N, C-alpha and C. Protein backbone atom coordinates (compact mmCIF):
# COMPACT_ATOMS: atom_id res chain seq x y z
N MET A 1 0.69 -1.54 -0.41
CA MET A 1 -0.10 -0.20 -0.16
C MET A 1 0.95 1.44 0.17
N ASP A 2 2.02 1.70 0.78
CA ASP A 2 2.87 2.30 0.72
C ASP A 2 3.32 2.68 -0.76
N GLU A 3 3.80 1.53 -1.60
CA GLU A 3 4.19 2.17 -3.00
C GLU A 3 3.30 2.53 -3.59
N GLN A 4 2.22 2.28 -3.89
CA GLN A 4 0.94 2.56 -4.07
C GLN A 4 0.46 3.89 -4.09
N LYS A 5 1.21 4.39 -2.52
CA LYS A 5 0.52 5.95 -2.55
C LYS A 5 2.15 6.77 -2.76
N THR A 6 3.11 6.16 -2.87
CA THR A 6 3.77 6.98 -3.42
C THR A 6 4.07 7.28 -4.85
N THR A 7 3.55 5.99 -5.72
CA THR A 7 3.36 6.51 -6.97
C THR A 7 1.86 7.60 -7.37
N GLU A 8 0.83 7.08 -6.59
CA GLU A 8 0.36 8.42 -7.39
C GLU A 8 0.64 9.69 -6.36
N ARG A 9 1.08 9.70 -5.45
CA ARG A 9 2.16 11.27 -5.32
C ARG A 9 2.72 11.64 -6.33
N ASP A 10 3.69 10.68 -6.95
CA ASP A 10 4.49 10.88 -8.21
C ASP A 10 3.86 11.26 -9.43
N ILE A 11 2.64 10.41 -9.49
CA ILE A 11 1.78 10.39 -10.97
C ILE A 11 1.67 12.22 -10.47
N ASP A 12 1.11 12.49 -9.41
CA ASP A 12 0.01 14.31 -9.04
C ASP A 12 0.84 15.21 -9.86
N ALA A 13 2.35 14.68 -8.74
CA ALA A 13 3.40 15.71 -9.05
C ALA A 13 3.97 15.83 -10.25
N GLU A 14 3.93 15.02 -11.30
CA GLU A 14 4.42 14.59 -12.43
C GLU A 14 3.37 15.45 -13.27
N LEU A 15 2.41 15.41 -13.21
CA LEU A 15 0.65 16.01 -13.64
C LEU A 15 0.37 17.40 -13.41
N VAL A 16 0.63 18.21 -12.23
CA VAL A 16 0.93 18.93 -11.57
C VAL A 16 1.88 19.93 -12.90
N ARG A 17 3.50 19.38 -12.43
CA ARG A 17 4.43 20.18 -13.64
C ARG A 17 4.04 20.45 -14.87
N ALA A 18 2.96 19.18 -15.27
CA ALA A 18 2.36 19.88 -16.59
C ALA A 18 1.35 20.63 -16.67
N GLY A 19 1.27 21.17 -15.72
CA GLY A 19 -0.33 22.10 -15.89
C GLY A 19 -0.97 21.22 -16.39
N VAL A 20 -1.55 20.57 -15.48
CA VAL A 20 -3.09 19.63 -15.27
C VAL A 20 -3.79 20.05 -15.17
N VAL A 21 -4.92 20.34 -16.19
CA VAL A 21 -6.42 21.36 -15.40
C VAL A 21 -7.52 20.17 -14.80
N ASP A 22 -7.51 19.35 -14.90
CA ASP A 22 -8.48 18.06 -14.26
C ASP A 22 -7.18 16.91 -13.92
N LEU A 23 -6.98 17.28 -12.76
CA LEU A 23 -6.16 15.75 -12.07
C LEU A 23 -6.46 14.72 -12.37
N GLU A 24 -7.86 14.64 -11.79
CA GLU A 24 -8.87 13.18 -11.56
C GLU A 24 -8.73 12.36 -13.13
N VAL A 25 -9.18 12.88 -14.02
CA VAL A 25 -8.73 12.26 -15.33
C VAL A 25 -7.02 12.05 -15.98
N GLY A 26 -6.50 13.63 -15.45
CA GLY A 26 -4.79 12.66 -15.90
C GLY A 26 -4.65 11.40 -14.97
N ARG A 27 -4.91 11.56 -13.55
CA ARG A 27 -4.32 10.58 -12.49
C ARG A 27 -4.76 9.43 -12.96
N MET A 28 -6.14 9.00 -13.43
CA MET A 28 -6.50 7.78 -13.99
C MET A 28 -5.77 7.49 -15.39
N LEU A 29 -5.42 8.15 -16.37
CA LEU A 29 -5.12 8.11 -17.60
C LEU A 29 -3.25 7.41 -17.53
N ALA A 30 -2.58 8.20 -16.43
CA ALA A 30 -1.66 8.18 -16.34
C ALA A 30 -1.10 7.05 -15.76
N LYS A 31 -1.95 6.73 -14.59
CA LYS A 31 -2.20 5.35 -14.32
C LYS A 31 -2.16 4.17 -15.09
N ALA A 32 -3.19 4.33 -15.60
CA ALA A 32 -3.27 3.19 -16.47
C ALA A 32 -1.78 3.10 -17.98
N GLY A 33 -1.49 4.07 -17.55
CA GLY A 33 0.06 3.99 -18.43
C GLY A 33 0.86 3.17 -17.66
N VAL A 34 1.11 4.17 -16.48
CA VAL A 34 2.64 3.44 -15.39
C VAL A 34 1.89 1.99 -15.54
N ASP A 35 0.63 1.33 -14.90
CA ASP A 35 0.51 0.24 -14.64
C ASP A 35 0.63 -0.78 -15.87
N ALA A 36 1.09 -0.39 -16.86
CA ALA A 36 1.05 -1.06 -18.23
C ALA A 36 2.25 -1.37 -18.40
N GLY A 37 3.55 -0.30 -17.34
CA GLY A 37 4.97 -1.07 -17.35
C GLY A 37 5.68 0.13 -17.92
N ARG A 38 4.78 1.62 -18.04
CA ARG A 38 5.31 2.36 -18.88
C ARG A 38 6.27 2.87 -18.20
N GLU A 39 7.66 4.46 -18.64
CA GLU A 39 7.91 5.61 -17.43
C GLU A 39 6.88 6.20 -17.15
N LEU A 40 6.47 7.04 -15.79
CA LEU A 40 5.82 8.18 -15.78
C LEU A 40 5.89 9.08 -17.02
N LYS A 41 7.63 9.69 -16.91
CA LYS A 41 7.73 10.68 -17.40
C LYS A 41 7.23 10.37 -18.94
N GLY A 42 7.25 9.85 -19.38
CA GLY A 42 7.32 9.39 -21.16
C GLY A 42 5.52 9.22 -20.56
N VAL A 43 4.80 9.35 -19.98
CA VAL A 43 3.07 8.62 -20.01
C VAL A 43 2.74 10.16 -19.95
N VAL A 44 3.21 10.78 -18.99
CA VAL A 44 2.49 12.56 -19.19
C VAL A 44 2.93 13.08 -20.34
N THR A 45 4.01 12.71 -20.76
CA THR A 45 4.61 13.59 -22.13
C THR A 45 3.41 13.42 -23.04
N GLU A 46 3.10 12.01 -23.18
CA GLU A 46 2.60 11.60 -24.31
C GLU A 46 0.95 12.31 -24.29
N LEU A 47 0.79 12.18 -22.62
CA LEU A 47 -0.77 12.41 -22.72
C LEU A 47 -1.19 13.94 -23.23
N VAL A 48 0.34 15.20 -22.70
CA VAL A 48 0.31 15.99 -23.35
C VAL A 48 0.26 16.39 -24.47
N LYS A 49 1.17 15.48 -25.28
CA LYS A 49 0.35 15.70 -26.83
C LYS A 49 -0.42 15.04 -27.40
N GLY A 50 -1.26 13.69 -26.60
CA GLY A 50 -2.35 13.39 -27.37
C GLY A 50 -3.47 13.87 -26.71
N LYS A 51 -3.65 14.74 -25.95
CA LYS A 51 -5.06 15.08 -24.92
C LYS A 51 -4.51 16.62 -24.05
N PRO A 52 -3.89 17.66 -25.31
CA PRO A 52 -3.69 18.77 -24.68
C PRO A 52 -4.88 19.28 -24.24
N TYR A 53 -5.85 19.11 -24.16
CA TYR A 53 -7.40 19.71 -23.84
C TYR A 53 -7.21 19.63 -21.59
N LEU A 54 -6.53 18.84 -21.62
CA LEU A 54 -6.45 17.86 -20.26
C LEU A 54 -5.42 19.19 -19.38
N PHE A 55 -4.59 20.17 -20.04
CA PHE A 55 -3.25 20.71 -19.63
C PHE A 55 -3.47 22.17 -19.90
N ALA A 56 -3.07 23.19 -18.82
CA ALA A 56 -3.72 24.66 -19.13
C ALA A 56 -3.01 25.19 -20.37
N ARG A 57 -4.17 26.22 -20.46
CA ARG A 57 -3.15 27.23 -21.71
C ARG A 57 -2.22 27.50 -22.11
N ALA A 58 -0.96 27.14 -21.24
CA ALA A 58 -0.23 27.58 -21.58
C ALA A 58 0.98 26.83 -22.50
N HIS A 59 0.06 25.59 -23.21
CA HIS A 59 -0.07 24.57 -23.69
C HIS A 59 -0.22 24.91 -25.36
N ALA A 60 -1.44 25.83 -25.29
CA ALA A 60 -2.12 26.18 -26.43
C ALA A 60 -1.60 26.96 -27.20
N GLY A 61 -1.98 26.98 -28.44
CA GLY A 61 -1.18 27.96 -29.65
C GLY A 61 -1.44 29.26 -29.47
N ALA A 62 -1.13 30.21 -29.77
CA ALA A 62 -1.18 31.51 -29.88
C ALA A 62 -2.33 31.86 -30.84
N ALA A 63 -2.36 31.13 -31.63
CA ALA A 63 -3.66 31.23 -32.43
C ALA A 63 -5.17 31.54 -31.48
N ASN A 64 -5.48 31.01 -30.42
CA ASN A 64 -6.07 30.89 -29.43
C ASN A 64 -6.20 32.02 -28.37
N ALA A 65 -5.50 32.88 -28.45
CA ALA A 65 -4.88 34.10 -28.13
C ALA A 65 -6.19 35.35 -28.44
N PRO A 66 -6.42 36.06 -27.42
CA PRO A 66 -7.67 37.29 -28.19
C PRO A 66 -6.58 38.15 -28.33
N ARG A 67 -6.87 38.93 -29.06
CA ARG A 67 -6.32 40.33 -29.70
C ARG A 67 -7.40 41.50 -29.74
N ALA A 68 -7.10 42.78 -29.55
CA ALA A 68 -7.21 43.63 -29.57
C ALA A 68 -7.69 44.39 -31.04
N LYS A 69 -9.04 44.82 -31.57
CA LYS A 69 -9.06 45.11 -32.51
C LYS A 69 -8.23 46.11 -33.35
N ALA A 70 -8.14 46.52 -34.00
CA ALA A 70 -7.17 47.40 -34.92
C ALA A 70 -7.51 49.35 -34.33
N GLY A 71 -7.03 49.80 -33.72
CA GLY A 71 -7.57 51.20 -33.42
C GLY A 71 -8.46 51.70 -32.03
N ALA A 72 -8.55 50.03 -31.43
CA ALA A 72 -8.96 49.92 -29.61
C ALA A 72 -7.98 50.57 -28.57
N SER A 73 -8.88 51.16 -27.63
CA SER A 73 -8.18 51.55 -26.69
C SER A 73 -7.28 51.46 -26.01
N ALA A 74 -6.19 51.96 -25.27
CA ALA A 74 -5.07 51.24 -24.44
C ALA A 74 -5.30 50.47 -23.55
N GLU A 75 -6.57 50.53 -22.67
CA GLU A 75 -7.21 49.94 -21.57
C GLU A 75 -7.61 48.45 -22.35
N LEU A 76 -8.33 48.39 -23.26
CA LEU A 76 -8.62 47.37 -23.97
C LEU A 76 -7.25 46.30 -24.95
N GLU A 77 -6.57 47.09 -25.31
CA GLU A 77 -5.02 46.38 -25.85
C GLU A 77 -4.54 46.32 -24.30
N ALA A 78 -4.65 46.39 -23.70
CA ALA A 78 -3.80 46.01 -22.01
C ALA A 78 -4.47 44.69 -21.76
N ALA A 79 -6.28 44.76 -21.50
CA ALA A 79 -6.76 43.22 -21.39
C ALA A 79 -6.55 42.48 -22.07
N ALA A 80 -6.21 42.75 -23.65
CA ALA A 80 -5.88 41.67 -24.53
C ALA A 80 -4.64 41.05 -23.94
N VAL A 81 -3.79 41.67 -23.64
CA VAL A 81 -2.67 40.94 -23.45
C VAL A 81 -3.14 40.43 -22.43
N ASN A 82 -3.34 40.97 -21.20
CA ASN A 82 -3.57 40.49 -19.85
C ASN A 82 -4.01 38.95 -19.96
N ALA A 83 -5.17 39.22 -20.73
CA ALA A 83 -5.69 37.75 -21.00
C ALA A 83 -4.94 36.85 -21.94
N SER A 84 -4.27 37.31 -22.98
CA SER A 84 -3.71 36.35 -23.60
C SER A 84 -2.62 35.46 -22.63
N ARG A 85 -1.64 36.61 -21.84
CA ARG A 85 -0.59 36.22 -20.80
C ARG A 85 -0.93 35.23 -19.79
N THR A 86 -2.10 35.87 -19.39
CA THR A 86 -2.51 34.71 -18.02
C THR A 86 -3.74 33.20 -18.65
N GLY A 87 -4.39 33.55 -19.52
CA GLY A 87 -5.41 32.52 -19.60
C GLY A 87 -6.42 32.39 -19.02
N ASP A 88 -6.42 33.15 -17.79
CA ASP A 88 -7.41 33.10 -16.51
C ASP A 88 -8.66 33.47 -17.47
N ARG A 89 -9.57 33.18 -16.81
CA ARG A 89 -11.14 33.12 -17.20
C ARG A 89 -11.38 34.53 -16.99
N ARG A 90 -11.57 34.96 -15.98
CA ARG A 90 -11.82 35.95 -15.77
C ARG A 90 -11.20 37.39 -16.36
N SER A 91 -9.58 37.13 -16.32
CA SER A 91 -9.21 38.28 -17.55
C SER A 91 -10.14 38.15 -18.94
N LEU A 92 -10.35 37.05 -19.34
CA LEU A 92 -10.46 36.70 -20.67
C LEU A 92 -11.93 37.98 -20.90
N LEU A 93 -12.64 37.29 -19.34
CA LEU A 93 -14.06 37.75 -19.78
C LEU A 93 -13.99 39.39 -19.67
N SER A 94 -12.93 39.52 -18.92
CA SER A 94 -12.90 41.12 -18.64
C SER A 94 -12.71 42.10 -20.36
N TYR A 95 -12.03 40.97 -20.88
CA TYR A 95 -11.26 41.51 -22.53
C TYR A 95 -12.75 41.84 -22.81
N LEU A 96 -13.25 40.66 -23.05
CA LEU A 96 -14.46 40.66 -24.26
C LEU A 96 -15.88 41.98 -23.58
N ARG A 97 -15.72 41.86 -22.40
CA ARG A 97 -16.44 42.80 -21.75
C ARG A 97 -16.32 44.77 -22.56
N LEU A 98 -14.71 44.73 -22.37
CA LEU A 98 -14.21 45.80 -22.53
C LEU A 98 -14.56 45.84 -24.33
N ARG A 99 -14.64 44.86 -25.11
CA ARG A 99 -14.42 44.79 -26.35
C ARG A 99 -16.07 44.81 -26.90
N ARG A 100 -16.76 44.29 -26.26
CA ARG A 100 -18.13 44.35 -26.50
C ARG A 100 -18.78 45.88 -26.06
N GLY A 101 -17.77 46.57 -25.49
CA GLY A 101 -18.53 48.31 -25.02
C GLY A 101 -19.42 48.05 -23.43
N GLY A 102 -18.92 47.23 -22.84
CA GLY A 102 -19.74 46.95 -21.82
C GLY A 102 -19.24 47.19 -20.60
């Protein structure tokens, strides 16, 4: 049982380092790979590549980043940069509200 706990902690730590968004799902998928005899780091690397939606927006491409329209105010531009940099929902919603004019 002690070995199992250590393995779960190792899996959690590796997933958190990779920026997992849903730890439970990530843990389940990584555990299946480790139980099959594969190395933990390799399993997590494959998850990041194969299931990027399970990991933070830091892994998302720049094409998904919000951008201010040409001629936009400095406040709107700053909000767009902040939302793009952080990937935070609140920042994105703030940017969208400013863009909409609300």
